[in-house]
Structure formats: C-alpha cells, structure tokens
Protein backbone atom coordinates (compact mmCIF):
# COMPACT_ATOMS: atom_id res chain seq x y z
CA MET A 1 19.79 0.89 39.50
CA HIS A 2 16.21 0.26 38.01
CA ILE A 3 15.09 2.69 35.60
CA SER A 4 12.00 3.45 34.86
CA PHE A 5 10.39 3.73 31.47
CA ALA A 6 9.25 6.85 32.29
CA ALA A 7 12.61 8.10 32.73
CA LEU A 8 13.77 5.54 30.04
CA ARG A 9 11.21 8.05 27.49
CA GLY A 10 13.21 11.56 28.92
CA ARG A 11 16.79 10.19 28.16
CA ARG A 12 18.57 11.45 25.16
CA TRP A 13 20.69 9.62 22.83
CA THR A 14 23.81 11.31 24.76
CA LEU A 15 27.16 10.52 23.34
CA PRO A 16 30.14 10.05 26.27
CA GLY A 17 31.37 13.48 26.08
CA ALA A 18 30.05 14.00 23.27
CA ALA A 19 29.74 17.76 23.74
CA LEU A 20 33.29 18.27 24.05
CA ALA A 21 34.24 16.55 21.34
CA ILE A 22 31.51 18.29 18.84
CA ALA A 23 33.96 21.46 19.96
CA GLY A 24 36.86 20.05 20.01
CA ALA A 25 36.06 18.90 16.32
CA LEU A 26 35.24 22.14 15.53
CA THR A 27 38.67 24.34 16.60
CA LEU A 28 41.26 21.73 16.43
CA SER A 29 43.48 21.62 13.19
CA ALA A 30 44.50 18.73 12.00
CA CYS A 31 47.02 16.64 14.22
CA GLY A 32 47.87 13.60 12.16
CA GLY A 33 46.12 13.14 9.37
CA SER A 34 47.93 12.39 5.95
CA GLY A 35 45.82 14.51 4.32
CA GLY A 36 46.30 12.89 0.86
CA SER A 37 50.09 13.12 0.63
CA LYS A 38 52.27 10.66 -0.77
CA ASP A 39 54.66 7.75 0.47
CA ALA A 40 58.38 6.44 -0.89
CA SER A 41 56.56 4.90 -3.24
CA GLY A 42 54.39 7.14 -4.51
CA LEU A 43 50.55 5.99 -2.80
CA THR A 44 48.23 8.29 -1.74
CA LYS A 45 48.52 7.99 2.13
CA VAL A 46 45.45 7.76 4.02
CA LYS A 47 44.54 7.28 7.70
CA VAL A 48 41.24 5.84 8.60
CA ARG A 49 39.76 4.49 12.02
CA THR A 50 37.43 2.11 12.72
CA ASP A 51 34.10 2.94 15.41
CA VAL A 52 35.99 0.57 17.77
CA PHE A 53 38.51 -2.58 18.49
CA TYR A 54 38.37 -4.84 15.15
CA THR A 55 35.92 -6.82 14.84
CA GLY A 56 34.13 -9.17 11.79
CA ALA A 57 32.07 -6.16 10.65
CA VAL A 58 34.90 -4.43 9.21
CA LEU A 59 36.71 -7.51 8.02
CA PRO A 60 37.01 -6.49 4.25
CA LEU A 61 38.76 -3.36 5.40
CA LEU A 62 41.43 -5.51 7.10
CA ALA A 63 41.78 -7.96 3.94
CA GLY A 64 41.73 -5.16 1.66
CA ILE A 65 45.07 -4.24 3.59
CA ASP A 66 46.55 -7.85 3.98
CA LYS A 67 45.68 -8.77 0.50
CA GLY A 68 47.54 -5.27 -1.07
CA ILE A 69 43.97 -4.06 -2.43
CA TYR A 70 44.11 -0.16 -1.34
CA LYS A 71 47.58 -0.21 -2.15
CA LYS A 72 46.42 -1.86 -5.73
CA HIS A 73 43.92 1.10 -5.67
CA GLY A 74 47.04 3.79 -5.20
CA LEU A 75 46.43 3.80 -1.53
CA ASP A 76 48.67 3.73 1.32
CA VAL A 77 45.98 3.38 4.13
CA THR A 78 46.60 3.11 7.75
CA LEU A 79 43.98 1.59 9.86
CA ASN A 80 43.51 2.21 13.82
CA PRO A 81 41.24 1.62 16.36
CA GLY A 82 38.69 3.63 18.06
CA LYS A 83 36.89 3.73 21.28
CA GLY A 84 33.39 4.67 19.57
CA SER A 85 31.66 6.14 16.83
CA ALA A 86 31.76 9.07 18.63
CA THR A 87 35.43 9.39 18.75
CA THR A 88 36.09 8.45 15.45
CA LEU A 89 33.82 10.86 13.67
CA GLN A 90 35.79 13.49 16.08
CA THR A 91 38.94 12.36 14.89
CA VAL A 92 37.60 12.55 11.06
CA ALA A 93 35.77 15.97 11.76
CA ASN A 94 39.42 17.81 12.89
CA GLY A 95 41.23 15.68 9.84
CA SER A 96 43.58 13.52 12.87
CA ASP A 97 41.89 10.57 10.49
CA ASP A 98 41.25 11.07 6.92
CA LEU A 99 38.01 8.07 7.09
CA GLY A 100 36.26 6.26 9.41
CA TYR A 101 33.78 3.83 9.83
CA ALA A 102 31.30 4.90 11.93
CA ASP A 103 27.51 4.77 12.83
CA GLY A 104 24.77 6.56 11.40
CA GLY A 105 22.79 7.58 13.72
CA ALA A 106 25.98 9.11 15.89
CA LEU A 107 26.75 10.82 12.30
CA VAL A 108 23.06 12.61 12.21
CA GLN A 109 23.49 14.05 16.01
CA ALA A 110 27.06 15.05 15.56
CA ALA A 111 25.74 17.02 12.50
CA GLY A 112 23.07 18.27 14.36
CA LYS A 113 25.56 20.02 16.63
CA GLY A 114 27.54 21.27 13.70
CA MET A 115 30.28 19.26 13.33
CA PRO A 116 31.29 18.60 9.24
CA VAL A 117 30.86 14.87 8.61
CA GLU A 118 28.95 12.56 6.37
CA MET A 119 28.39 9.09 4.77
CA VAL A 120 30.27 8.87 1.61
CA ALA A 121 29.45 4.96 1.90
CA GLY A 122 27.04 2.18 3.41
CA MET A 123 28.28 -0.89 4.60
CA VAL A 124 25.33 -1.30 7.58
CA GLN A 125 23.14 -0.90 6.21
CA ARG A 126 19.59 -2.67 7.52
CA SER A 127 19.65 -1.96 10.91
CA PRO A 128 21.12 -4.65 13.34
CA LEU A 129 19.67 -3.68 16.31
CA ALA A 130 18.24 -6.22 18.38
CA ILE A 131 17.00 -8.32 21.64
CA PHE A 132 18.55 -11.44 22.21
CA THR A 133 17.14 -14.02 24.89
CA ARG A 134 17.97 -17.67 24.99
CA THR A 135 15.66 -20.04 22.34
CA ASP A 136 14.84 -22.43 26.06
CA SER A 137 13.78 -19.47 27.22
CA GLY A 138 10.34 -19.39 26.05
CA ILE A 139 10.45 -15.68 24.58
CA ARG A 140 9.24 -15.32 21.24
CA SER A 141 7.61 -12.13 20.70
CA ALA A 142 8.13 -8.63 22.38
CA SER A 143 5.14 -9.12 24.62
CA ASP A 144 6.91 -12.45 26.15
CA LEU A 145 9.34 -9.57 27.16
CA ALA A 146 6.99 -8.39 29.58
CA GLY A 147 8.01 -8.49 33.69
CA LYS A 148 11.15 -10.22 32.13
CA THR A 149 14.94 -7.87 33.41
CA ALA A 150 17.32 -7.10 31.39
CA GLY A 151 20.79 -4.22 31.69
CA PHE A 152 20.62 -1.51 30.16
CA THR A 153 23.14 0.91 29.16
CA ALA A 154 22.47 4.78 28.98
CA GLY A 155 23.59 5.53 25.46
CA SER A 156 23.79 2.22 23.53
CA ALA A 157 21.85 2.55 20.91
CA PRO A 158 19.67 -0.22 21.03
CA GLU A 159 18.44 0.83 24.15
CA THR A 160 18.02 4.95 23.46
CA LEU A 161 15.96 3.61 20.90
CA PHE A 162 13.73 0.49 23.11
CA PRO A 163 10.72 3.00 23.47
CA ALA A 164 10.15 3.06 19.73
CA PHE A 165 10.64 -0.99 19.39
CA ALA A 166 8.37 -1.35 22.45
CA LYS A 167 5.77 0.81 21.04
CA ALA A 168 5.65 -0.74 16.95
CA SER A 169 5.59 -4.13 18.90
CA GLY A 170 3.12 -3.70 21.09
CA LEU A 171 4.71 -4.51 24.12
CA ASN A 172 3.22 -2.70 27.63
CA PRO A 173 6.94 -1.23 28.67
CA GLN A 174 5.19 -0.71 32.15
CA SER A 175 6.51 -4.03 32.81
CA VAL A 176 9.89 -4.18 32.15
CA HIS A 177 12.41 -3.77 34.08
CA LEU A 178 15.72 -2.08 33.51
CA ASN A 179 18.94 -1.96 35.13
CA LYS A 180 21.20 0.28 34.18
CA VAL A 181 24.42 -0.51 33.83
CA ASP A 182 27.77 -0.69 31.77
CA ILE A 183 28.01 -3.10 27.98
CA PRO A 184 30.01 -5.56 29.78
CA THR A 185 28.14 -5.77 32.80
CA ARG A 186 24.99 -6.07 30.64
CA ASP A 187 26.44 -9.12 28.62
CA SER A 188 27.80 -10.70 31.52
CA LEU A 189 24.75 -10.21 33.24
CA PHE A 190 22.71 -12.18 30.50
CA VAL A 191 25.11 -15.15 29.81
CA GLN A 192 25.16 -15.54 33.47
CA GLY A 193 21.76 -15.87 33.61
CA LYS A 194 20.46 -13.03 35.57
CA THR A 195 18.73 -10.86 33.40
CA GLN A 196 16.59 -12.82 30.51
CA PHE A 197 16.60 -10.48 28.31
CA SER A 198 19.89 -8.19 26.86
CA PHE A 199 20.36 -5.21 24.08
CA GLY A 200 22.87 -5.54 21.41
CA LEU A 201 23.47 -5.64 17.73
CA LEU A 202 22.73 -8.65 14.79
CA ASN A 203 26.74 -8.47 13.10
CA VAL A 204 28.37 -8.13 16.14
CA SER A 205 27.11 -9.00 19.78
CA ARG A 206 25.36 -12.26 18.92
CA ALA A 207 28.46 -14.58 18.22
CA THR A 208 30.49 -13.13 21.00
CA ILE A 209 27.42 -13.43 23.35
CA GLU A 210 26.80 -16.90 22.38
CA ALA A 211 31.20 -17.88 22.11
CA LYS A 212 30.62 -17.04 26.13
CA CYS A 213 26.90 -18.78 27.15
CA HIS A 214 27.87 -21.25 24.83
CA CYS A 215 23.67 -21.24 24.21
CA THR A 216 22.34 -20.56 20.57
CA LEU A 217 20.11 -16.86 20.54
CA ALA A 218 17.07 -15.61 19.48
CA ALA A 219 16.93 -11.58 18.17
CA LEU A 220 13.57 -10.27 18.56
CA SER A 221 15.09 -7.33 15.60
CA TYR A 222 14.05 -3.77 15.58
CA ALA A 223 14.10 -3.48 11.40
CA ASP A 224 11.48 -6.21 11.43
CA ALA A 225 9.90 -4.15 14.34
CA GLY A 226 9.54 -1.77 11.31
CA LEU A 227 12.34 0.80 12.86
CA ASN A 228 14.17 2.02 9.80
CA VAL A 229 17.66 3.29 11.46
CA LEU A 230 20.67 3.13 9.11
CA SER A 231 24.12 1.66 10.82
CA SER A 232 26.99 1.83 9.80
CA GLY A 233 29.63 2.95 6.97
CA ILE A 234 32.46 4.87 5.59
CA VAL A 235 33.13 8.75 6.60
CA THR A 236 34.85 11.29 6.34
CA SER A 237 34.60 15.21 6.66
CA LYS A 238 33.35 17.43 4.10
CA SER A 239 36.84 18.83 4.38
CA PHE A 240 39.13 16.36 3.45
CA ALA A 241 36.29 15.11 0.75
CA GLY A 242 36.00 18.58 -1.18
CA LYS A 243 40.68 18.62 -1.17
CA HIS A 244 40.72 14.99 -1.96
CA PRO A 245 37.72 13.44 -3.90
CA ASP A 246 40.04 10.96 -5.65
CA ALA A 247 41.55 9.64 -2.51
CA VAL A 248 37.35 8.93 -0.88
CA LYS A 249 36.67 7.65 -4.98
CA ASN A 250 39.90 4.81 -4.48
CA PHE A 251 39.48 3.81 -1.04
CA LEU A 252 35.37 3.25 -1.66
CA ALA A 253 36.17 1.57 -4.68
CA ALA A 254 39.16 -0.66 -2.76
CA THR A 255 36.68 -1.08 0.06
CA ALA A 256 33.93 -2.11 -2.53
CA GLU A 257 36.43 -4.98 -4.12
CA ALA A 258 37.75 -5.59 -0.74
CA VAL A 259 34.01 -6.46 -0.02
CA ASP A 260 33.95 -8.35 -3.10
CA TYR A 261 37.14 -10.72 -2.06
CA THR A 262 35.70 -11.28 1.18
CA ASP A 263 32.64 -12.60 0.42
CA LYS A 264 34.73 -15.52 -1.86
CA ASN A 265 37.06 -15.98 0.37
CA VAL A 266 36.33 -15.65 3.68
CA ASP A 267 38.06 -18.02 5.64
CA ALA A 268 40.88 -16.56 3.76
CA ALA A 269 40.10 -13.04 4.88
CA VAL A 270 39.45 -14.11 8.79
CA SER A 271 43.01 -14.95 8.63
CA SER A 272 43.92 -11.79 7.14
CA PHE A 273 42.21 -10.02 10.29
CA PHE A 274 44.82 -12.00 12.43
CA ASN A 275 47.25 -11.35 10.64
CA VAL A 276 46.91 -7.30 10.91
CA VAL A 277 45.59 -7.38 14.28
CA LYS A 278 47.65 -9.19 16.67
CA THR A 279 45.94 -8.78 19.75
CA SER A 280 42.42 -9.87 19.49
CA THR A 281 40.59 -11.79 21.73
CA LEU A 282 37.75 -12.94 19.28
CA SER A 283 38.43 -16.61 17.92
CA LYS A 284 37.98 -17.06 14.22
CA ALA A 285 34.82 -18.41 14.13
CA VAL A 286 33.60 -15.32 15.68
CA VAL A 287 34.99 -12.89 13.19
CA LYS A 288 33.60 -15.43 10.68
CA GLN A 289 30.22 -14.81 11.49
CA GLN A 290 30.39 -11.52 12.73
CA TRP A 291 31.25 -10.41 9.13
CA LEU A 292 28.80 -13.44 7.70
CA ALA A 293 25.91 -11.80 9.49
CA SER A 294 27.45 -7.74 8.32
CA ALA A 295 26.86 -8.79 4.91
CA GLN A 296 23.46 -10.06 4.80
CA LEU A 297 22.57 -6.16 6.38
CA MET A 298 24.18 -4.24 3.73
CA HIS A 299 21.72 -3.14 2.53
CA THR A 300 18.19 -2.05 2.34
CA ASP A 301 14.86 -2.19 0.75
CA LYS A 302 15.68 0.77 -0.56
CA THR A 303 18.92 0.26 -1.78
CA LYS A 304 19.46 -3.90 -2.30
CA ASP A 305 20.22 -5.08 -5.79
CA GLN A 306 22.12 -1.86 -6.05
CA ALA A 307 26.57 -1.44 -5.97
CA PHE A 308 28.47 -1.54 -2.75
CA GLY A 309 27.72 1.54 -0.60
CA CYS A 310 24.78 2.98 -2.24
CA MET A 311 22.62 4.58 0.11
CA ALA A 312 18.85 5.87 -0.14
CA ALA A 313 17.82 9.88 0.94
CA ALA A 314 14.63 7.80 2.29
CA ASP A 315 16.47 5.71 4.87
CA TRP A 316 18.20 8.53 5.76
CA GLN A 317 15.45 10.64 7.09
CA SER A 318 13.70 7.73 8.68
CA THR A 319 17.04 7.62 10.70
CA ILE A 320 16.94 11.37 11.21
CA ALA A 321 13.64 11.07 12.31
CA GLN A 322 14.49 8.67 14.63
CA MET A 323 17.19 10.80 16.48
CA GLU A 324 14.70 13.58 16.59
CA GLN A 325 12.72 11.23 18.35
CA HIS A 326 15.18 9.57 21.01
CA GLY A 327 18.34 11.24 20.37
CA GLY A 328 18.66 14.98 21.25
CA VAL A 329 18.79 16.54 17.33
CA ALA A 330 16.66 19.66 17.36
CA ALA A 331 13.55 18.97 14.32
CA GLY A 332 14.97 19.91 11.12
CA LYS A 333 18.04 20.71 12.14
CA VAL A 334 19.07 17.86 9.92
CA LYS A 335 18.88 17.06 6.18
CA PRO A 336 19.97 13.66 4.31
CA ALA A 337 21.59 15.61 1.50
CA GLU A 338 24.15 16.73 4.54
CA VAL A 339 25.21 13.87 5.88
CA ALA A 340 25.61 11.09 3.60
CA SER A 341 26.24 11.35 -0.13
CA ASN A 342 26.55 8.65 -2.81
CA ALA A 343 28.90 11.11 -5.16
CA TYR A 344 31.93 9.27 -4.66
CA LEU A 345 30.70 5.87 -5.33
CA GLY A 346 29.67 4.22 -8.89
CA GLN A 347 26.27 4.15 -10.28
CA CYS A 348 23.17 4.68 -7.54
CA SER A 349 20.28 4.81 -8.14
CA ASP A 350 19.51 7.65 -5.41
CA GLN A 351 21.34 10.89 -6.73
CA LEU A 352 21.22 11.81 -2.55
CA GLY A 353 24.20 14.04 -2.02
CA LYS A 354 25.50 15.10 -5.39
CA GLN A 355 25.82 18.39 -6.95
C-alpha cells in the first residue's frame, strides 16, 4: 500500500490503543506495583518496566541488577520487559509498575491526554531517529532519497516526524515512495534489498539491521537536521514520586552508578545482560554496539557536561512543539515542568520541575 506524502502529512502519531490505555490509566487502581514496600531483607521493593523487550539501550539497568548496585542503594528491583512506550506509560500511571523506561514523545502525548506521568531522568536525550541506507547505495544526503522507496510504519516515531525531517533537509517529499507495513516487514524488506532506505533508531536499529544484512549502514540523522526531540528516560507517576521520593532518588543514584560501571566495564555489563535475560535473540556484539551508540546520545548540547539524567526545559519545549505539530497534542496543553523534573537528581543546572 503506497502512502502519499499528503496523506502522511495528515497523520497523527497515534500509538496502538493509546486512547484506551490512557482511559485505563486514569481509572485503574494499582495492581501489582510494589509501592515502596520492604522485602524480607529490608530492601525497598521497586517494579520497573522497559519500553520493549531488552536491548543494549537499557544495559545499565540489567548490569545494575546483576552486580548488586541497586541492592547497594537499598532497592530490590524487579525488571520486566514492555510492549511499547505507550503501554509502559500506562502501567506506570496506574501503579502496576513503579518506574519505567519510555519515550519522551510518547510521554508528551500521554500527558496531553491527562496521564499523570513524568520523566525524572533522561537517558537517551539526543534524538536517535534516523534514516538508514547501505553505504554502497549512492545515497549521501536527504535529497538523494528522491525516487527511492521505503517501508512505512504508521505510529513509529521516525516515520511520524519524517515530514519535519524532509522539510528541514530540503527533500522534495513528493518523490519519495512509502509503503505501509509493520516494523518487522519494514526492516525485512530493507535487509532483502527490496527497499532503498529504512527508518529506525541509531542506538538500537542500526546494529540489529547490520547484523541481519551483513552490511554497513550510513545514517541520515534527524538530530543533525535540527530536529531536537528527546528520546528515552526513566519515568514514574506523580503519585509514586510524591509518596516515595526517596525510592525515586535512590533508583536514579543507583542507575547513575550502573551507567558509570557499564561505561567502564562494557564487556562485563554485556555478560550481565545475558545473566539476567535468558531468551534474547540478540548477540553479545549487537548488545554492546547498542549500548555504545546509546552512550553517545545521553546528553544534548544543553545538558552536556552535566551529571547523569539532567534535562533542560528548552529541550522539552522543542519536543512538545514537534508533538503539537505532528503528534496530535493540543497547542499549549503541555508544559515542560508538567512532564519532566530534575528534582530527584543531584546537581543540575536547569531547575526543571523543582519547587
């Protein structure tokens, strides 16, 4: 199914089941969250959910569990895989999980519909959104995409913001052919050489696709085109943060230590990944590449040289603006301080969310 650019411009970033998920999040009572209770050893129990099944982007969380870093900070962490940021935000909002790892754009959308969630630490702040091509394809810039074909997945972040990328890059969008498929099919078509470019994430998709196609990819980065959209970080509900601020602070302090450990001991951290995750189809090499790519995206120009997790209100405002234009968020509905807070971190230059 071919999608015209005109139709693409009219699309909104609608996450699967988002309306029902948000309604459920506002009405369901907590069903399984630990709520800061203690285990038999006196550790505070915390339930955490990732955005999708485990990748190298969340390597520090797994290493932190395997190496006892969270226990050192008084926490008994249970980590579970998610089924997309929208679902993770729902389970965090309704109290089924205490904290999560989710996408900033999806959070803005959820907050725009009344979901009481906030990001308390940015982990992948510089946007990983990108268009991938083979290095031998002859495609060197966005204008070279003219006449080329790609799979297009409605609701996927890179595709949602493709109109903005095209405009910022001087690409004639009418000459690009987009065929509606799901993400596995999108990636498979590209690996098989049936499409000339594909959408994805620099820190996750690139290593996975290269391993499948046994090729080297070139990337056209959305961030390089000036699209400043925050990616993933640690989220929690305003209720949990209000009732258990020390648990949030301790979790972030432990995660910061786990990030530092991972940076200094990448191979050992990768071994920890497979100690905890028994059914992953990823190779050790791919997990390592995914983390190394993620580590390069942990800060934006506005948060560089700051401590782990520190976010900037200006970055959130830019993200909100993109979601207002392309993600169906009503203009003026969401403010940076409503969706993000540095209050549970150490020293951050931006007083975002602090009273």
